[in-house]
């Protein structure tokens, strides 16, 4: 299958190498041509995992997005949600009938990007989907080298429009067999683990993150008090899912720590052992804040408000993060209020019908 990978981060390089190794015709786009040049020059990405290190040839690496998208059946955007607006603008002139866009994860980007592309005048018959996490726990180790610690074994995926989920999932499964349907795009967004695991880790580790040059929030930063907050925040997420009528499995985040039933299987010990997550986290610029708090957690809090679900931890963590960021996050860009999806003439029921049927 012809697959376009859009972005230059850890997940994008992991996806490009992994899917090319699996036999797909992979094209990689990155808008930073200079940073992409090592891949262009070599025609490959170095993939490291439990099987060792090897160079995996890539069919095309280019800073020309039209060339990468042309003829692609599946488009994988494994980039942070904060990049989705710019990516949508870049791809809008090039999307064509029959393509499937997959965001792992999406933070409701499957719906938001679809509306943005449509607003440009592109009426191509494109299906959009998002899942709850990246298909890989991965970190880049060099200009064209990526280390994959774990691959996801379960990828609950929501589709927009939901009435055509079977079509989209059939395409995505050719690349990721672990994908399974979980309903509409909002259900897919509410599977996103980032806004649950990262806000407590960042907020409750704020002092050591600012004090130490590098700090592993998944090792020293994951103590019983933090885990207790994470579990209760996740209970609020599940309560919102249930209030909106989304059924199990909800993939409780506690399974990430205690057994092999979560999206990555039994991964937490491998994540810590790798050492790749002992890093510098800027409380104003890191994606755990800009993506998982300002977008993802704010979306969860707004959904709780709209659904009448008591969510003190979602609101409290959001308020504290807003305190050190210096702004009110209650109307952050991905809240229902900011998106115009709730109000006098907008209801959750109307939104869910729109998610099912499309525009």
Protein backbone atom coordinates (compact mmCIF):
# COMPACT_ATOMS: atom_id res chain seq x y z
CA UNK A 1 0.00 0.00 0.00
CA UNK A 2 1.16 3.54 -0.72
CA UNK A 3 1.41 5.38 2.60
CA UNK A 4 2.26 9.04 3.24
CA UNK A 5 3.80 9.92 6.62
CA UNK A 6 3.56 13.61 7.50
CA UNK A 7 5.88 15.12 10.08
CA UNK A 8 9.40 14.96 11.42
CA UNK A 9 9.01 13.83 15.02
CA UNK A 10 9.70 10.60 16.87
CA UNK A 11 6.43 8.93 15.89
CA UNK A 12 6.70 9.93 12.23
CA UNK A 13 10.19 8.50 11.77
CA UNK A 14 9.17 5.35 13.64
CA UNK A 15 6.09 4.96 11.43
CA UNK A 16 8.05 5.56 8.22
CA UNK A 17 10.71 2.98 9.06
CA UNK A 18 8.35 0.42 10.56
CA UNK A 19 5.80 0.52 7.74
CA UNK A 20 8.51 0.49 5.06
CA UNK A 21 10.06 -2.54 6.74
CA UNK A 22 6.62 -4.20 6.59
CA UNK A 23 6.66 -3.86 2.79
CA UNK A 24 4.60 -0.72 2.20
CA UNK A 25 5.60 2.03 -0.23
CA UNK A 26 6.30 4.78 2.26
CA UNK A 27 6.73 8.48 1.47
CA UNK A 28 7.86 10.84 4.23
CA UNK A 29 7.15 14.59 4.24
CA UNK A 30 8.76 17.09 6.54
CA UNK A 31 8.43 20.81 5.96
CA UNK A 32 11.96 21.42 7.30
CA UNK A 33 13.91 20.39 4.20
CA UNK A 34 17.31 20.85 5.85
CA UNK A 35 16.41 18.56 8.75
CA UNK A 36 15.06 15.97 6.28
CA UNK A 37 18.18 16.08 4.08
CA UNK A 38 19.99 13.15 5.79
CA UNK A 39 17.04 10.90 4.95
CA UNK A 40 16.84 12.29 1.41
CA UNK A 41 20.56 11.74 0.85
CA UNK A 42 20.65 8.21 2.24
CA UNK A 43 17.19 7.13 1.12
CA UNK A 44 16.69 5.38 4.45
CA UNK A 45 15.99 5.63 8.17
CA UNK A 46 17.96 3.66 10.74
CA UNK A 47 15.51 1.65 12.83
CA UNK A 48 16.58 0.32 16.22
CA UNK A 49 14.50 -2.07 18.31
CA UNK A 50 14.81 -5.40 20.13
CA UNK A 51 16.01 -7.00 16.87
CA UNK A 52 18.96 -4.65 16.53
CA UNK A 53 19.79 -1.76 14.22
CA UNK A 54 19.32 -1.64 10.43
CA UNK A 55 18.82 0.88 7.66
CA UNK A 56 15.30 0.71 6.19
CA UNK A 57 14.90 2.15 2.67
CA UNK A 58 12.17 4.79 2.23
CA UNK A 59 10.52 5.12 -1.20
CA UNK A 60 10.49 8.92 -1.05
CA UNK A 61 11.50 11.62 1.42
CA UNK A 62 10.53 15.12 0.34
CA UNK A 63 9.65 18.59 1.58
CA UNK A 64 7.07 18.78 -1.25
CA UNK A 65 3.84 17.62 0.35
CA UNK A 66 2.00 17.22 -2.95
CA UNK A 67 4.54 14.69 -4.19
CA UNK A 68 4.27 12.69 -0.98
CA UNK A 69 0.47 12.67 -0.96
CA UNK A 70 -0.01 11.85 -4.64
CA UNK A 71 -1.54 8.39 -4.95
CA UNK A 72 -1.31 7.59 -1.23
CA UNK A 73 -4.17 5.43 0.05
CA UNK A 74 -3.33 6.02 3.72
CA UNK A 75 -2.00 9.25 5.23
CA UNK A 76 -0.51 8.93 8.71
CA UNK A 77 -0.09 12.12 10.74
CA UNK A 78 1.77 11.04 13.87
CA UNK A 79 2.59 14.64 14.79
CA UNK A 80 1.55 16.62 17.88
CA UNK A 81 -1.91 18.16 17.74
CA UNK A 82 -0.38 21.63 17.87
CA UNK A 83 0.91 21.02 14.32
CA UNK A 84 -2.45 19.95 12.90
CA UNK A 85 -3.62 23.40 11.82
CA UNK A 86 -0.53 24.04 9.69
CA UNK A 87 -0.54 20.50 8.30
CA UNK A 88 -4.21 20.81 7.34
CA UNK A 89 -3.45 24.00 5.45
CA UNK A 90 -0.53 22.33 3.68
CA UNK A 91 -2.42 19.21 2.59
CA UNK A 92 -5.78 20.78 1.75
CA UNK A 93 -4.99 21.48 -1.93
CA UNK A 94 -3.74 17.91 -2.46
CA UNK A 95 -6.22 15.57 -0.75
CA UNK A 96 -8.15 13.36 -3.18
CA UNK A 97 -11.13 10.99 -3.22
CA UNK A 98 -10.57 7.66 -1.50
CA UNK A 99 -7.79 8.70 0.87
CA UNK A 100 -7.88 7.88 4.58
CA UNK A 101 -6.18 10.20 7.08
CA UNK A 102 -5.10 8.55 10.35
CA UNK A 103 -4.06 10.58 13.41
CA UNK A 104 -2.39 8.54 16.15
CA UNK A 105 -3.44 10.19 18.45
CA UNK A 106 -5.68 13.04 17.35
CA UNK A 107 -7.02 15.13 20.26
CA UNK A 108 -10.23 15.48 18.17
CA UNK A 109 -8.08 16.55 15.24
CA UNK A 110 -9.83 14.14 12.88
CA UNK A 111 -12.94 16.32 13.07
CA UNK A 112 -11.18 19.66 13.39
CA UNK A 113 -8.83 19.05 10.45
CA UNK A 114 -11.69 17.77 8.29
CA UNK A 115 -13.59 21.01 8.87
CA UNK A 116 -10.50 23.07 8.17
CA UNK A 117 -9.82 21.28 4.87
CA UNK A 118 -13.46 21.63 3.85
CA UNK A 119 -13.35 25.36 4.60
CA UNK A 120 -10.64 25.75 1.95
CA UNK A 121 -13.10 24.50 -0.67
CA UNK A 122 -11.74 20.96 -1.03
CA UNK A 123 -14.73 18.59 -1.29
CA UNK A 124 -12.74 15.38 -1.81
CA UNK A 125 -14.26 12.23 -0.32
CA UNK A 126 -11.71 11.72 2.45
CA UNK A 127 -12.19 9.66 5.62
CA UNK A 128 -10.59 10.74 8.89
CA UNK A 129 -9.69 8.63 11.93
CA UNK A 130 -7.86 8.93 15.24
CA UNK A 131 -6.71 6.56 17.95
CA UNK A 132 -5.68 6.73 21.59
CA UNK A 133 -1.89 6.74 21.34
CA UNK A 134 1.06 6.60 19.02
CA UNK A 135 1.58 3.11 17.59
CA UNK A 136 5.11 3.29 19.03
CA UNK A 137 6.95 4.28 22.17
CA UNK A 138 9.87 5.77 20.28
CA UNK A 139 12.62 8.38 20.45
CA UNK A 140 14.91 9.66 17.72
CA UNK A 141 18.58 9.06 18.43
CA UNK A 142 19.99 10.99 15.49
CA UNK A 143 19.19 12.86 12.30
CA UNK A 144 17.81 9.71 10.64
CA UNK A 145 17.83 7.19 13.49
CA UNK A 146 14.86 6.19 15.65
CA UNK A 147 14.67 3.76 18.56
CA UNK A 148 11.38 1.88 19.03
CA UNK A 149 10.99 0.57 22.58
CA UNK A 150 7.43 -0.83 22.26
CA UNK A 151 4.81 -1.24 19.53
CA UNK A 152 1.12 -0.87 20.36
CA UNK A 153 -0.92 -4.07 20.46
CA UNK A 154 -4.35 -2.38 20.69
CA UNK A 155 -5.37 0.81 18.92
CA UNK A 156 -9.00 1.83 19.59
CA UNK A 157 -9.93 4.10 16.72
CA UNK A 158 -12.77 6.54 16.04
CA UNK A 159 -13.75 7.54 12.50
CA UNK A 160 -15.26 10.68 10.97
CA UNK A 161 -17.87 10.24 9.64
CA UNK A 162 -18.63 7.27 11.87
CA UNK A 163 -21.17 5.75 9.49
CA UNK A 164 -18.25 4.86 7.20
CA UNK A 165 -16.01 3.43 9.89
CA UNK A 166 -15.73 -0.01 8.29
CA UNK A 167 -14.24 1.51 5.11
CA UNK A 168 -11.63 3.53 6.98
CA UNK A 169 -10.67 0.77 9.39
CA UNK A 170 -10.18 -1.73 6.56
CA UNK A 171 -7.54 0.58 5.05
CA UNK A 172 -5.80 1.42 8.34
CA UNK A 173 -5.61 -2.25 9.36
CA UNK A 174 -3.44 -2.98 6.33
CA UNK A 175 -0.78 -0.90 8.08
CA UNK A 176 -1.81 -1.43 11.72
CA UNK A 177 -3.61 -4.75 12.30
CA UNK A 178 -4.07 -3.85 15.99
CA UNK A 179 -6.62 -1.15 15.09
CA UNK A 180 -10.23 -1.72 16.18
CA UNK A 181 -13.25 0.54 16.01
CA UNK A 182 -14.46 2.48 19.04
CA UNK A 183 -17.14 4.67 17.46
CA UNK A 184 -16.98 8.26 16.28
CA UNK A 185 -14.18 10.83 16.31
CA UNK A 186 -15.07 12.10 19.78
CA UNK A 187 -14.89 8.58 21.19
CA UNK A 188 -11.48 8.25 19.57
CA UNK A 189 -10.40 11.54 21.15
CA UNK A 190 -11.54 10.28 24.56
CA UNK A 191 -9.22 7.29 24.18
CA UNK A 192 -6.21 9.62 24.07
CA UNK A 193 -3.92 8.69 26.94
CA UNK A 194 -1.74 11.81 26.77
CA UNK A 195 -4.19 14.21 28.47
CA UNK A 196 -4.56 11.72 31.34
CA UNK A 197 -1.02 10.51 31.98
CA UNK A 198 0.96 13.69 31.31
CA UNK A 199 -0.87 16.55 33.13
CA UNK A 200 -0.51 15.01 36.62
CA UNK A 201 3.11 14.05 35.88
CA UNK A 202 3.95 17.57 34.69
CA UNK A 203 2.01 19.53 37.30
CA UNK A 204 3.05 17.38 40.27
CA UNK A 205 6.69 17.27 39.11
CA UNK A 206 6.89 20.96 38.18
CA UNK A 207 9.60 21.80 40.73
CA UNK A 208 12.08 19.01 39.83
CA UNK A 209 11.38 19.59 36.13
CA UNK A 210 12.51 23.19 36.52
CA UNK A 211 15.37 22.36 38.90
CA UNK A 212 17.09 19.41 37.21
CA UNK A 213 18.60 19.46 33.74
CA UNK A 214 16.88 16.14 33.00
CA UNK A 215 14.15 14.34 34.91
CA UNK A 216 12.30 11.11 34.17
CA UNK A 217 8.66 11.72 35.04
CA UNK A 218 7.89 8.07 34.27
CA UNK A 219 10.46 6.80 36.80
CA UNK A 220 11.25 9.06 39.78
CA UNK A 221 8.28 11.23 38.87
CA UNK A 222 5.76 8.39 39.08
CA UNK A 223 5.12 7.94 42.79
CA UNK A 224 1.96 6.68 44.59
CA UNK A 225 0.52 10.18 45.09
CA UNK A 226 0.88 10.93 41.37
CA UNK A 227 -0.58 7.56 40.40
CA UNK A 228 -3.57 8.17 42.67
CA UNK A 229 -4.31 11.47 40.91
CA UNK A 230 -3.85 9.86 37.48
CA UNK A 231 -6.30 7.07 38.33
CA UNK A 232 -8.93 9.54 39.51
CA UNK A 233 -8.46 11.77 36.48
CA UNK A 234 -8.87 8.70 34.28
CA UNK A 235 -12.07 7.84 36.15
CA UNK A 236 -13.37 11.27 35.12
CA UNK A 237 -12.50 10.51 31.49
CA UNK A 238 -14.37 7.21 31.67
CA UNK A 239 -17.35 8.93 33.32
CA UNK A 240 -17.47 11.40 30.43
CA UNK A 241 -17.31 8.55 27.91
CA UNK A 242 -20.19 6.77 29.64
CA UNK A 243 -22.25 9.99 29.89
CA UNK A 244 -21.86 10.40 26.13
CA UNK A 245 -22.96 6.83 25.50
CA UNK A 246 -19.59 5.33 24.54
CA UNK A 247 -19.21 1.76 25.68
CA UNK A 248 -16.34 -0.35 26.96
CA UNK A 249 -13.53 -1.10 26.58
CA UNK A 250 -12.39 2.24 27.94
CA UNK A 251 -8.72 1.21 28.35
CA UNK A 252 -8.22 2.43 31.93
CA UNK A 253 -4.74 3.87 32.23
CA UNK A 254 -4.10 1.82 35.38
CA UNK A 255 -3.64 -1.17 33.07
CA UNK A 256 -0.54 0.54 31.64
CA UNK A 257 1.12 0.14 35.03
CA UNK A 258 -0.26 -3.14 36.34
CA UNK A 259 -0.84 -5.65 33.50
CA UNK A 260 -0.65 -6.29 29.76
CA UNK A 261 -4.21 -5.28 28.86
CA UNK A 262 -3.45 -1.71 27.84
CA UNK A 263 -2.71 -0.36 24.33
CA UNK A 264 1.02 -1.10 24.53
CA UNK A 265 0.67 -4.32 26.50
CA UNK A 266 3.05 -4.57 29.46
CA UNK A 267 5.16 -1.54 28.54
CA UNK A 268 5.85 0.66 31.57
CA UNK A 269 8.97 -1.20 32.73
CA UNK A 270 10.41 -1.18 29.20
CA UNK A 271 9.73 2.54 28.90
CA UNK A 272 11.63 3.28 32.12
CA UNK A 273 14.46 0.86 31.33
CA UNK A 274 15.13 2.45 27.94
CA UNK A 275 16.21 5.74 29.53
CA UNK A 276 14.84 7.62 26.52
CA UNK A 277 12.32 9.50 28.66
CA UNK A 278 14.91 11.07 30.98
CA UNK A 279 14.67 14.43 29.30
CA UNK A 280 14.40 18.17 29.60
CA UNK A 281 10.75 19.24 29.82
CA UNK A 282 10.09 22.95 29.39
CA UNK A 283 6.85 23.74 31.23
CA UNK A 284 5.93 26.33 28.62
CA UNK A 285 6.98 24.61 25.39
CA UNK A 286 6.96 20.82 25.77
CA UNK A 287 4.16 18.99 23.97
CA UNK A 288 3.03 17.43 27.27
CA UNK A 289 1.86 20.98 28.06
CA UNK A 290 1.05 22.52 24.67
CA UNK A 291 -0.71 19.40 23.37
CA UNK A 292 -1.85 17.30 26.32
CA UNK A 293 -2.86 20.10 28.71
CA UNK A 294 -3.76 23.11 26.57
CA UNK A 295 -5.60 21.02 23.98
CA UNK A 296 -6.39 17.54 25.33
CA UNK A 297 -7.12 18.22 28.99
CA UNK A 298 -9.01 21.40 28.11
CA UNK A 299 -11.16 19.35 25.70
CA UNK A 300 -11.89 16.78 28.41
CA UNK A 301 -12.85 19.50 30.90
CA UNK A 302 -15.17 21.15 28.39
CA UNK A 303 -16.82 17.81 27.60
CA UNK A 304 -17.35 17.21 31.31
CA UNK A 305 -19.03 20.61 31.61
CA UNK A 306 -21.28 19.93 28.63
CA UNK A 307 -22.19 16.41 29.77
CA UNK A 308 -22.81 17.42 33.39
CA UNK A 309 -20.02 15.18 34.73
CA UNK A 310 -18.27 16.15 37.95
CA UNK A 311 -14.58 16.42 37.04
CA UNK A 312 -12.70 18.30 39.76
CA UNK A 313 -9.29 16.93 38.84
CA UNK A 314 -9.59 17.84 35.16
CA UNK A 315 -10.66 21.37 36.08
CA UNK A 316 -8.11 21.67 38.91
CA UNK A 317 -5.09 20.49 36.90
CA UNK A 318 -6.15 22.76 34.06
CA UNK A 319 -6.37 25.73 36.43
CA UNK A 320 -2.93 25.05 37.94
CA UNK A 321 -1.34 24.70 34.50
CA UNK A 322 -3.05 27.92 33.48
CA UNK A 323 -1.53 29.48 36.57
CA UNK A 324 2.07 28.79 35.59
CA UNK A 325 1.35 29.49 31.92
CA UNK A 326 -0.34 32.78 32.79
CA UNK A 327 -3.58 32.26 30.89
CA UNK A 328 -7.10 30.92 31.36
CA UNK A 329 -7.37 27.53 29.64
CA UNK A 330 -11.13 27.14 30.03
CA UNK A 331 -11.59 28.41 26.47
CA UNK A 332 -8.45 26.88 25.01
CA UNK A 333 -8.51 26.10 21.25
CA UNK A 334 -9.92 22.55 21.47
CA UNK A 335 -12.69 23.22 23.98
CA UNK A 336 -16.22 22.78 22.71
CA UNK A 337 -16.81 26.46 23.44
CA UNK A 338 -13.87 27.62 21.32
CA UNK A 339 -14.90 25.28 18.50
CA UNK A 340 -18.47 26.62 18.59
CA UNK A 341 -19.87 23.13 19.26
CA UNK A 342 -21.92 23.97 22.35
CA UNK A 343 -24.16 26.92 23.06
CA UNK A 344 -27.64 28.19 22.41
CA UNK A 345 -28.01 26.48 19.02
CA UNK A 346 -25.48 23.67 19.49
CA UNK A 347 -25.99 20.54 21.59
CA UNK A 348 -24.00 17.40 22.27
CA UNK A 349 -26.72 15.36 20.58
CA UNK A 350 -26.45 17.46 17.43
CA UNK A 351 -22.66 17.15 17.51
CA UNK A 352 -22.80 13.38 17.80
CA UNK A 353 -25.23 13.16 14.88
CA UNK A 354 -22.85 15.31 12.83
CA UNK A 355 -19.95 13.05 13.84
CA UNK A 356 -21.95 10.05 12.65
CA UNK A 357 -23.20 11.45 9.36
CA UNK A 358 -20.56 13.97 8.34
CA UNK A 359 -21.20 17.37 6.78
